[in-house]
């Protein structure tokens, strides 16, 4: 384990602004790594950095980031990506469209594409995938919603749809009650 010298962290956040590691107080920091993929310039590159901000590993994936990803217990990368197709979700900054699992070398082991995938999904212990999806609320349900925004054309609203999927296909859709 590396020992870091104690450092005073600049308290004026304006002076700390910029790109990269801007401050570190090793006495107060938790040991470990940070996994991230820049949303603006991401283009599918994922970085694993150490406590000092040094890049330890990178993955080059076929999709820009949707919002999140994480390392699994098996040491693979589970990644939510953004697909290019146009839908009503495209106007949101956190659009998804695809989830995938990649090995340490960046080889995609499997992927699931879904047009309603909003931005987040998780890999369940049993190997299935749970996606946070957004869809159009049917008109007969939307008209019963009291208050809120009125619109004469089609009404849209977001809701969490639990989609239990495998890498091959959608198995079941659960609607919240």
N, C-alpha and C. Protein backbone atom coordinates (compact mmCIF):
# COMPACT_ATOMS: atom_id res chain seq x y z
N UNK A 1 0.85 -1.18 0.00
CA UNK A 1 0.00 0.00 0.00
C UNK A 1 0.89 1.24 0.00
N UNK A 2 0.52 2.20 -0.79
CA UNK A 2 1.29 3.44 -0.90
C UNK A 2 0.94 4.38 0.24
N UNK A 3 1.93 5.04 0.79
CA UNK A 3 1.69 6.04 1.83
C UNK A 3 1.76 7.41 1.19
N UNK A 4 0.79 8.24 1.49
CA UNK A 4 0.75 9.59 0.92
C UNK A 4 1.09 10.59 2.00
N UNK A 5 1.79 11.64 1.61
CA UNK A 5 2.11 12.69 2.57
C UNK A 5 0.83 13.48 2.88
N UNK A 6 0.75 14.03 4.07
CA UNK A 6 -0.40 14.83 4.46
C UNK A 6 -0.38 16.14 3.69
N UNK A 7 -1.53 16.58 3.26
CA UNK A 7 -1.62 17.81 2.47
C UNK A 7 -2.77 18.66 2.97
N UNK A 8 -2.59 19.95 2.88
CA UNK A 8 -3.67 20.87 3.21
C UNK A 8 -4.49 21.07 1.95
N UNK A 9 -5.80 20.92 2.07
CA UNK A 9 -6.69 21.07 0.93
C UNK A 9 -7.17 22.51 0.85
N UNK A 10 -6.99 23.13 -0.31
CA UNK A 10 -7.46 24.50 -0.53
C UNK A 10 -8.97 24.57 -0.31
N UNK A 11 -9.42 25.45 0.57
CA UNK A 11 -10.84 25.54 0.90
C UNK A 11 -11.63 26.40 -0.08
N UNK A 12 -10.97 27.22 -0.84
CA UNK A 12 -11.64 28.05 -1.84
C UNK A 12 -11.86 27.18 -3.08
N UNK A 13 -13.12 26.79 -3.34
CA UNK A 13 -13.39 25.88 -4.45
C UNK A 13 -13.09 26.49 -5.81
N UNK A 14 -13.16 27.81 -5.93
CA UNK A 14 -12.83 28.46 -7.20
C UNK A 14 -11.38 28.22 -7.57
N UNK A 15 -10.49 28.21 -6.60
CA UNK A 15 -9.08 27.96 -6.86
C UNK A 15 -8.81 26.50 -7.21
N UNK A 16 -9.72 25.60 -6.80
CA UNK A 16 -9.54 24.18 -7.08
C UNK A 16 -10.17 23.74 -8.39
N UNK A 17 -10.90 24.59 -9.08
CA UNK A 17 -11.62 24.19 -10.29
C UNK A 17 -10.66 23.78 -11.39
N UNK A 18 -11.13 22.91 -12.25
CA UNK A 18 -10.34 22.45 -13.38
C UNK A 18 -10.60 20.99 -13.65
N UNK A 19 -9.75 20.38 -14.39
CA UNK A 19 -9.89 18.98 -14.75
C UNK A 19 -8.81 18.18 -14.03
N UNK A 20 -9.17 16.99 -13.57
CA UNK A 20 -8.21 16.12 -12.89
C UNK A 20 -8.36 16.19 -11.39
N UNK A 21 -7.49 15.49 -10.68
CA UNK A 21 -7.52 15.49 -9.23
C UNK A 21 -7.11 16.87 -8.74
N UNK A 22 -7.97 17.50 -7.98
CA UNK A 22 -7.72 18.86 -7.55
C UNK A 22 -7.30 18.95 -6.10
N UNK A 23 -7.63 17.98 -5.29
CA UNK A 23 -7.26 18.00 -3.88
C UNK A 23 -7.31 16.59 -3.31
N UNK A 24 -6.46 16.32 -2.34
CA UNK A 24 -6.45 15.03 -1.67
C UNK A 24 -5.99 15.23 -0.24
N UNK A 25 -6.80 14.77 0.69
CA UNK A 25 -6.40 14.72 2.08
C UNK A 25 -6.35 13.24 2.44
N UNK A 26 -5.17 12.62 2.36
CA UNK A 26 -5.07 11.17 2.54
C UNK A 26 -5.51 10.69 3.92
N UNK A 27 -5.47 11.55 4.92
CA UNK A 27 -5.91 11.15 6.26
C UNK A 27 -7.42 10.99 6.33
N UNK A 28 -8.15 11.65 5.45
CA UNK A 28 -9.61 11.58 5.47
C UNK A 28 -10.18 10.79 4.30
N UNK A 29 -9.37 10.42 3.35
CA UNK A 29 -9.84 9.70 2.16
C UNK A 29 -9.98 8.22 2.43
N UNK A 30 -10.96 7.59 1.80
CA UNK A 30 -11.13 6.14 1.88
C UNK A 30 -10.27 5.52 0.80
N UNK A 31 -9.53 4.47 1.14
CA UNK A 31 -8.70 3.83 0.11
C UNK A 31 -9.58 3.18 -0.94
N UNK A 32 -9.09 3.12 -2.15
CA UNK A 32 -9.85 2.48 -3.21
C UNK A 32 -9.64 3.14 -4.54
N UNK A 33 -10.55 2.87 -5.45
CA UNK A 33 -10.48 3.36 -6.82
C UNK A 33 -11.78 4.04 -7.19
N UNK A 34 -11.74 4.83 -8.25
CA UNK A 34 -12.93 5.48 -8.78
C UNK A 34 -13.08 5.08 -10.23
N UNK A 35 -14.29 4.67 -10.60
CA UNK A 35 -14.61 4.27 -11.96
C UNK A 35 -15.49 5.37 -12.56
N UNK A 36 -15.12 5.90 -13.73
CA UNK A 36 -15.97 6.92 -14.35
C UNK A 36 -15.80 6.93 -15.86
N UNK A 37 -16.81 7.50 -16.50
CA UNK A 37 -16.80 7.71 -17.94
C UNK A 37 -17.37 9.09 -18.19
N UNK A 38 -16.60 10.00 -18.74
CA UNK A 38 -17.10 11.37 -18.94
C UNK A 38 -18.34 11.40 -19.83
N UNK A 39 -19.41 12.04 -19.35
CA UNK A 39 -20.65 12.12 -20.11
C UNK A 39 -20.51 12.99 -21.35
N UNK A 40 -19.79 14.07 -21.25
CA UNK A 40 -19.70 15.01 -22.36
C UNK A 40 -18.74 14.49 -23.44
N UNK A 41 -17.55 14.07 -23.05
CA UNK A 41 -16.54 13.63 -24.02
C UNK A 41 -16.32 12.13 -23.96
N UNK A 42 -17.24 11.40 -23.38
CA UNK A 42 -17.03 9.99 -23.09
C UNK A 42 -16.72 9.10 -24.26
N UNK A 43 -17.54 9.13 -25.28
CA UNK A 43 -17.37 8.29 -26.46
C UNK A 43 -17.11 6.83 -26.13
N UNK A 44 -17.53 6.37 -24.98
CA UNK A 44 -17.38 4.97 -24.62
C UNK A 44 -16.11 4.62 -23.89
N UNK A 45 -15.29 5.60 -23.54
CA UNK A 45 -14.07 5.33 -22.79
C UNK A 45 -14.39 5.39 -21.30
N UNK A 46 -13.99 4.33 -20.58
CA UNK A 46 -14.22 4.23 -19.14
C UNK A 46 -12.86 4.18 -18.45
N UNK A 47 -12.74 4.92 -17.36
CA UNK A 47 -11.46 5.02 -16.65
C UNK A 47 -11.60 4.49 -15.22
N UNK A 48 -10.56 3.82 -14.77
CA UNK A 48 -10.42 3.41 -13.38
C UNK A 48 -9.20 4.17 -12.86
N UNK A 49 -9.41 5.02 -11.85
CA UNK A 49 -8.31 5.84 -11.32
C UNK A 49 -8.06 5.52 -9.85
N UNK A 50 -6.82 5.71 -9.42
CA UNK A 50 -6.48 5.47 -8.02
C UNK A 50 -6.72 6.73 -7.19
N UNK A 51 -6.35 6.67 -5.94
CA UNK A 51 -6.58 7.77 -5.00
C UNK A 51 -5.87 9.05 -5.41
N UNK A 52 -4.79 8.93 -6.13
CA UNK A 52 -4.03 10.10 -6.58
C UNK A 52 -4.55 10.66 -7.92
N UNK A 53 -5.54 9.99 -8.53
CA UNK A 53 -6.06 10.44 -9.81
C UNK A 53 -5.32 9.86 -11.00
N UNK A 54 -4.41 8.92 -10.75
CA UNK A 54 -3.66 8.27 -11.83
C UNK A 54 -4.54 7.19 -12.48
N UNK A 55 -4.55 7.15 -13.80
CA UNK A 55 -5.34 6.14 -14.51
C UNK A 55 -4.68 4.78 -14.34
N UNK A 56 -5.44 3.83 -13.79
CA UNK A 56 -4.97 2.48 -13.56
C UNK A 56 -5.34 1.57 -14.73
N UNK A 57 -6.54 1.81 -15.30
CA UNK A 57 -7.02 0.97 -16.39
C UNK A 57 -8.05 1.75 -17.20
N UNK A 58 -8.19 1.41 -18.48
CA UNK A 58 -9.24 2.01 -19.32
C UNK A 58 -9.90 0.92 -20.15
N UNK A 59 -11.14 1.17 -20.49
CA UNK A 59 -11.90 0.33 -21.40
C UNK A 59 -12.37 1.22 -22.55
N UNK A 60 -12.35 0.71 -23.76
CA UNK A 60 -12.91 1.42 -24.92
C UNK A 60 -14.13 0.63 -25.36
N UNK A 61 -15.31 1.19 -25.12
CA UNK A 61 -16.55 0.48 -25.40
C UNK A 61 -17.26 1.08 -26.62
N UNK A 62 -18.15 0.31 -27.24
CA UNK A 62 -18.76 0.76 -28.50
C UNK A 62 -19.85 1.83 -28.37
N UNK A 63 -20.21 2.24 -27.14
CA UNK A 63 -21.28 3.22 -26.95
C UNK A 63 -20.82 4.31 -25.99
N UNK A 64 -21.28 5.54 -26.19
CA UNK A 64 -21.02 6.58 -25.19
C UNK A 64 -21.80 6.25 -23.91
N UNK A 65 -21.43 6.84 -22.79
CA UNK A 65 -22.08 6.49 -21.53
C UNK A 65 -23.53 6.94 -21.46
N UNK A 66 -24.39 6.08 -20.88
CA UNK A 66 -25.78 6.44 -20.61
C UNK A 66 -25.86 7.17 -19.29
N UNK A 67 -25.25 6.66 -18.27
CA UNK A 67 -25.10 7.34 -16.99
C UNK A 67 -24.19 6.56 -16.05
N UNK A 68 -24.36 5.26 -15.93
CA UNK A 68 -23.63 4.57 -14.88
C UNK A 68 -23.04 3.25 -15.34
N UNK A 69 -22.19 2.74 -14.50
CA UNK A 69 -21.56 1.44 -14.69
C UNK A 69 -20.82 1.08 -13.43
N UNK A 70 -20.42 -0.15 -13.31
CA UNK A 70 -19.68 -0.58 -12.12
C UNK A 70 -18.94 -1.88 -12.39
N UNK A 71 -17.99 -2.20 -11.52
CA UNK A 71 -17.27 -3.46 -11.61
C UNK A 71 -18.06 -4.52 -10.87
N UNK A 72 -18.23 -5.67 -11.48
CA UNK A 72 -18.99 -6.75 -10.85
C UNK A 72 -18.08 -7.56 -9.93
N UNK A 73 -18.68 -8.45 -9.17
CA UNK A 73 -17.91 -9.32 -8.27
C UNK A 73 -16.98 -10.23 -9.06
N UNK A 74 -17.32 -10.50 -10.32
CA UNK A 74 -16.47 -11.37 -11.16
C UNK A 74 -15.32 -10.61 -11.79
N UNK A 75 -15.27 -9.29 -11.58
CA UNK A 75 -14.19 -8.50 -12.16
C UNK A 75 -14.49 -7.98 -13.55
N UNK A 76 -15.74 -8.12 -13.99
CA UNK A 76 -16.13 -7.58 -15.29
C UNK A 76 -16.72 -6.19 -15.09
N UNK A 77 -16.89 -5.49 -16.19
CA UNK A 77 -17.48 -4.15 -16.15
C UNK A 77 -18.91 -4.24 -16.64
N UNK A 78 -19.87 -3.79 -15.82
CA UNK A 78 -21.27 -3.67 -16.25
C UNK A 78 -21.48 -2.21 -16.60
N UNK A 79 -21.97 -1.94 -17.83
CA UNK A 79 -21.97 -0.59 -18.38
C UNK A 79 -23.31 -0.26 -19.02
N UNK A 80 -23.84 0.91 -18.70
CA UNK A 80 -25.05 1.43 -19.33
C UNK A 80 -24.62 2.40 -20.43
N UNK A 81 -24.95 2.09 -21.67
CA UNK A 81 -24.53 2.92 -22.79
C UNK A 81 -25.70 3.65 -23.45
N UNK A 82 -25.36 4.63 -24.25
CA UNK A 82 -26.35 5.45 -24.97
C UNK A 82 -26.33 5.06 -26.45
N UNK A 83 -27.49 4.66 -26.96
CA UNK A 83 -27.59 4.31 -28.37
C UNK A 83 -28.01 5.54 -29.18
N UNK A 84 -27.81 5.46 -30.48
CA UNK A 84 -28.02 6.63 -31.35
C UNK A 84 -29.45 6.78 -31.86
N UNK A 85 -30.28 5.75 -31.77
CA UNK A 85 -31.61 5.88 -32.36
C UNK A 85 -32.41 6.99 -31.70
N UNK A 86 -33.27 7.62 -32.48
CA UNK A 86 -34.09 8.73 -32.00
C UNK A 86 -35.37 8.19 -31.37
N UNK A 87 -35.72 8.73 -30.22
CA UNK A 87 -36.99 8.44 -29.56
C UNK A 87 -37.29 9.62 -28.66
N UNK A 88 -38.44 9.59 -27.99
CA UNK A 88 -38.74 10.70 -27.10
C UNK A 88 -37.74 10.78 -25.95
N UNK A 89 -37.02 9.70 -25.69
CA UNK A 89 -35.99 9.72 -24.65
C UNK A 89 -34.73 10.48 -25.08
N UNK A 90 -34.54 10.67 -26.38
CA UNK A 90 -33.31 11.29 -26.87
C UNK A 90 -33.12 12.72 -26.37
N UNK A 91 -34.18 13.38 -25.96
CA UNK A 91 -34.05 14.76 -25.50
C UNK A 91 -33.47 14.85 -24.09
N UNK A 92 -33.41 13.73 -23.39
CA UNK A 92 -32.88 13.73 -22.03
C UNK A 92 -31.37 13.49 -22.04
N UNK A 93 -30.63 14.11 -21.12
CA UNK A 93 -29.18 13.91 -21.11
C UNK A 93 -28.79 12.51 -20.66
N UNK A 94 -29.68 11.81 -19.97
CA UNK A 94 -29.33 10.50 -19.42
C UNK A 94 -30.04 9.37 -20.15
N UNK A 95 -30.09 9.44 -21.47
CA UNK A 95 -30.70 8.37 -22.25
C UNK A 95 -29.79 7.15 -22.25
N UNK A 96 -30.37 5.99 -22.25
CA UNK A 96 -29.61 4.76 -22.33
C UNK A 96 -29.81 4.09 -23.67
N UNK A 97 -30.35 2.89 -23.63
CA UNK A 97 -30.61 2.13 -24.85
C UNK A 97 -29.90 0.79 -24.88
N UNK A 98 -28.80 0.68 -24.11
CA UNK A 98 -28.05 -0.58 -24.12
C UNK A 98 -27.34 -0.77 -22.78
N UNK A 99 -27.29 -2.01 -22.34
CA UNK A 99 -26.43 -2.40 -21.22
C UNK A 99 -25.54 -3.53 -21.72
N UNK A 100 -24.35 -3.60 -21.17
CA UNK A 100 -23.44 -4.66 -21.59
C UNK A 100 -22.52 -5.04 -20.45
N UNK A 101 -21.91 -6.19 -20.62
CA UNK A 101 -20.87 -6.64 -19.69
C UNK A 101 -19.61 -6.87 -20.51
N UNK A 102 -18.51 -6.29 -20.04
CA UNK A 102 -17.23 -6.42 -20.75
C UNK A 102 -16.18 -6.99 -19.82
N UNK A 103 -15.26 -7.77 -20.37
CA UNK A 103 -14.18 -8.30 -19.55
C UNK A 103 -13.10 -7.23 -19.33
N UNK A 104 -12.05 -7.58 -18.61
CA UNK A 104 -10.99 -6.62 -18.26
C UNK A 104 -10.33 -6.01 -19.50
N UNK A 105 -10.30 -6.76 -20.59
CA UNK A 105 -9.67 -6.29 -21.82
C UNK A 105 -10.61 -5.51 -22.72
N UNK A 106 -11.87 -5.36 -22.30
CA UNK A 106 -12.83 -4.59 -23.08
C UNK A 106 -13.65 -5.41 -24.06
N UNK A 107 -13.47 -6.73 -24.06
CA UNK A 107 -14.27 -7.58 -24.94
C UNK A 107 -15.70 -7.63 -24.40
N UNK A 108 -16.66 -7.28 -25.25
CA UNK A 108 -18.07 -7.31 -24.85
C UNK A 108 -18.51 -8.76 -24.77
N UNK A 109 -18.92 -9.20 -23.58
CA UNK A 109 -19.35 -10.58 -23.37
C UNK A 109 -20.79 -10.78 -23.82
N UNK A 110 -21.64 -9.79 -23.58
CA UNK A 110 -23.02 -9.77 -24.04
C UNK A 110 -23.54 -8.34 -23.93
N UNK A 111 -24.62 -8.07 -24.65
CA UNK A 111 -25.28 -6.77 -24.54
C UNK A 111 -26.78 -6.95 -24.75
N UNK A 112 -27.56 -6.06 -24.15
CA UNK A 112 -29.02 -6.02 -24.31
C UNK A 112 -29.38 -4.61 -24.73
N UNK A 113 -30.10 -4.50 -25.84
CA UNK A 113 -30.59 -3.20 -26.31
C UNK A 113 -32.08 -3.15 -26.05
N UNK A 114 -32.55 -1.99 -25.58
CA UNK A 114 -33.99 -1.82 -25.36
C UNK A 114 -34.33 -0.36 -25.62
N UNK A 115 -35.32 -0.09 -26.48
CA UNK A 115 -35.62 1.30 -26.84
C UNK A 115 -36.14 2.15 -25.68
N UNK A 116 -36.70 1.54 -24.64
CA UNK A 116 -37.25 2.30 -23.51
C UNK A 116 -36.26 2.42 -22.35
N UNK A 117 -35.07 1.85 -22.50
CA UNK A 117 -34.05 1.92 -21.44
C UNK A 117 -33.68 3.38 -21.22
N UNK A 118 -33.97 3.89 -20.02
CA UNK A 118 -33.76 5.31 -19.75
C UNK A 118 -32.29 5.62 -19.54
N UNK A 119 -31.65 5.09 -18.52
CA UNK A 119 -30.23 5.39 -18.29
C UNK A 119 -29.55 4.42 -17.35
N UNK A 120 -30.29 3.66 -16.58
CA UNK A 120 -29.67 2.86 -15.53
C UNK A 120 -30.17 1.42 -15.60
N UNK A 121 -29.27 0.51 -15.33
CA UNK A 121 -29.61 -0.90 -15.24
C UNK A 121 -28.63 -1.58 -14.32
N UNK A 122 -29.03 -2.70 -13.74
CA UNK A 122 -28.13 -3.44 -12.86
C UNK A 122 -28.15 -4.92 -13.24
N UNK A 123 -27.07 -5.58 -12.95
CA UNK A 123 -26.95 -7.01 -13.17
C UNK A 123 -27.34 -7.69 -11.86
N UNK A 124 -28.37 -8.54 -11.92
CA UNK A 124 -28.84 -9.23 -10.72
C UNK A 124 -27.99 -10.46 -10.45
N UNK A 125 -28.04 -10.95 -9.23
CA UNK A 125 -27.22 -12.11 -8.83
C UNK A 125 -27.51 -13.34 -9.67
N UNK A 126 -28.78 -13.49 -10.12
CA UNK A 126 -29.14 -14.67 -10.90
C UNK A 126 -28.75 -14.55 -12.37
N UNK A 127 -28.09 -13.43 -12.76
CA UNK A 127 -27.65 -13.25 -14.13
C UNK A 127 -28.60 -12.43 -14.98
N UNK A 128 -29.81 -12.16 -14.48
CA UNK A 128 -30.75 -11.31 -15.21
C UNK A 128 -30.34 -9.86 -15.08
N UNK A 129 -30.96 -9.02 -15.88
CA UNK A 129 -30.68 -7.59 -15.87
C UNK A 129 -31.97 -6.85 -15.54
N UNK A 130 -31.87 -5.85 -14.67
CA UNK A 130 -33.00 -5.01 -14.34
C UNK A 130 -32.73 -3.64 -14.93
N UNK A 131 -33.63 -3.18 -15.82
CA UNK A 131 -33.47 -1.89 -16.48
C UNK A 131 -34.45 -0.87 -15.94
N UNK A 132 -33.99 0.37 -15.81
CA UNK A 132 -34.87 1.49 -15.51
C UNK A 132 -35.35 1.99 -16.87
N UNK A 133 -36.64 1.82 -17.15
CA UNK A 133 -37.18 2.18 -18.45
C UNK A 133 -38.21 3.30 -18.30
N UNK A 134 -38.45 3.98 -19.40
CA UNK A 134 -39.44 5.05 -19.43
C UNK A 134 -40.31 4.81 -20.64
N UNK A 135 -41.61 4.94 -20.45
CA UNK A 135 -42.50 4.71 -21.57
C UNK A 135 -43.66 5.67 -21.56
N UNK A 136 -44.41 5.65 -22.62
CA UNK A 136 -45.57 6.51 -22.73
C UNK A 136 -46.71 5.88 -21.94
N UNK A 137 -47.34 6.68 -21.10
CA UNK A 137 -48.48 6.21 -20.32
C UNK A 137 -49.69 6.16 -21.25
N UNK A 138 -50.41 5.05 -21.28
CA UNK A 138 -51.59 4.96 -22.15
C UNK A 138 -52.60 6.07 -21.83
N UNK A 139 -53.28 6.56 -22.86
CA UNK A 139 -54.18 7.70 -22.72
C UNK A 139 -55.26 7.46 -21.66
N UNK A 140 -55.83 6.24 -21.61
CA UNK A 140 -56.90 5.99 -20.63
C UNK A 140 -56.41 6.09 -19.19
N UNK A 141 -55.13 5.86 -18.95
CA UNK A 141 -54.57 6.03 -17.60
C UNK A 141 -54.19 7.49 -17.39
N UNK A 142 -53.55 8.11 -18.39
CA UNK A 142 -53.10 9.50 -18.27
C UNK A 142 -54.27 10.45 -18.01
N UNK A 143 -55.42 10.22 -18.59
CA UNK A 143 -56.55 11.13 -18.41
C UNK A 143 -57.11 11.07 -16.99
N UNK A 144 -56.82 9.99 -16.25
CA UNK A 144 -57.30 9.86 -14.88
C UNK A 144 -56.37 10.52 -13.86
N UNK A 145 -55.19 10.95 -14.30
CA UNK A 145 -54.24 11.61 -13.39
C UNK A 145 -54.75 13.01 -13.09
N UNK A 146 -54.96 13.32 -11.82
CA UNK A 146 -55.47 14.62 -11.41
C UNK A 146 -54.33 15.62 -11.28
N UNK A 147 -54.55 16.85 -11.78
CA UNK A 147 -53.55 17.90 -11.67
C UNK A 147 -52.42 17.68 -12.66
N UNK A 148 -51.33 18.38 -12.45
CA UNK A 148 -50.19 18.21 -13.33
C UNK A 148 -50.32 19.00 -14.61
N UNK A 149 -49.58 18.62 -15.59
CA UNK A 149 -49.48 19.34 -16.85
C UNK A 149 -50.55 18.83 -17.81
N UNK A 150 -51.32 19.74 -18.40
CA UNK A 150 -52.35 19.35 -19.37
C UNK A 150 -51.85 19.62 -20.77
N UNK A 151 -52.16 18.72 -21.65
CA UNK A 151 -51.75 18.86 -23.03
C UNK A 151 -52.80 18.18 -23.90
N UNK A 152 -53.18 18.81 -24.99
CA UNK A 152 -54.23 18.23 -25.83
C UNK A 152 -53.70 17.12 -26.72
N UNK A 153 -52.43 17.20 -27.09
CA UNK A 153 -51.85 16.13 -27.93
C UNK A 153 -51.58 14.92 -27.04
N UNK A 154 -50.68 14.06 -27.46
CA UNK A 154 -50.40 12.87 -26.66
C UNK A 154 -49.76 13.25 -25.34
N UNK A 155 -50.10 12.57 -24.30
CA UNK A 155 -49.54 12.84 -22.97
C UNK A 155 -48.43 11.85 -22.70
N UNK A 156 -47.37 12.36 -22.12
CA UNK A 156 -46.25 11.50 -21.76
C UNK A 156 -45.95 11.68 -20.29
N UNK A 157 -45.54 10.63 -19.66
CA UNK A 157 -45.14 10.69 -18.26
C UNK A 157 -44.10 9.61 -18.05
N UNK A 158 -43.30 9.79 -17.04
CA UNK A 158 -42.28 8.76 -16.79
C UNK A 158 -42.71 7.92 -15.61
N UNK A 159 -42.29 6.71 -15.63
CA UNK A 159 -42.53 5.79 -14.53
C UNK A 159 -41.44 4.74 -14.59
N UNK A 160 -41.21 4.12 -13.49
CA UNK A 160 -40.22 3.05 -13.48
C UNK A 160 -40.89 1.75 -13.89
N UNK A 161 -40.38 1.16 -14.92
CA UNK A 161 -40.87 -0.12 -15.37
C UNK A 161 -39.78 -1.13 -15.08
N UNK A 162 -40.07 -2.11 -14.25
CA UNK A 162 -39.07 -3.12 -13.97
C UNK A 162 -39.06 -4.11 -15.10
N UNK A 163 -37.98 -4.21 -15.81
CA UNK A 163 -37.88 -5.17 -16.90
C UNK A 163 -36.87 -6.23 -16.50
N UNK A 164 -37.36 -7.43 -16.34
CA UNK A 164 -36.47 -8.54 -16.00
C UNK A 164 -36.04 -9.15 -17.32
N UNK A 165 -34.76 -9.03 -17.64
CA UNK A 165 -34.29 -9.51 -18.94
C UNK A 165 -33.09 -10.42 -18.78
N UNK A 166 -32.87 -11.17 -19.80
CA UNK A 166 -31.63 -11.91 -19.93
C UNK A 166 -30.92 -11.28 -21.12
N UNK A 167 -29.67 -11.59 -21.34
CA UNK A 167 -29.00 -11.05 -22.52
C UNK A 167 -29.71 -11.38 -23.83
N UNK A 168 -30.56 -12.39 -23.84
CA UNK A 168 -31.20 -12.79 -25.09
C UNK A 168 -32.51 -12.07 -25.37
N UNK A 169 -33.37 -11.89 -24.36
CA UNK A 169 -34.69 -11.33 -24.62
C UNK A 169 -35.36 -10.82 -23.35
N UNK A 170 -36.44 -10.09 -23.52
CA UNK A 170 -37.22 -9.59 -22.39
C UNK A 170 -38.13 -10.71 -21.92
N UNK A 171 -38.12 -11.02 -20.64
CA UNK A 171 -38.93 -12.11 -20.11
C UNK A 171 -40.25 -11.62 -19.54
N UNK A 172 -40.21 -10.55 -18.76
CA UNK A 172 -41.41 -10.13 -18.07
C UNK A 172 -41.35 -8.63 -17.82
N UNK A 173 -42.51 -8.00 -17.85
CA UNK A 173 -42.60 -6.59 -17.51
C UNK A 173 -43.48 -6.46 -16.28
N UNK A 174 -43.02 -5.71 -15.29
CA UNK A 174 -43.80 -5.49 -14.08
C UNK A 174 -44.19 -4.03 -14.00
N UNK A 175 -45.44 -3.76 -13.83
CA UNK A 175 -45.94 -2.38 -13.71
C UNK A 175 -46.12 -2.06 -12.25
N UNK A 176 -45.68 -0.90 -11.80
CA UNK A 176 -45.91 -0.52 -10.40
C UNK A 176 -47.39 -0.33 -10.13
N UNK A 177 -47.82 -0.62 -8.95
CA UNK A 177 -49.24 -0.48 -8.59
C UNK A 177 -49.43 0.73 -7.71
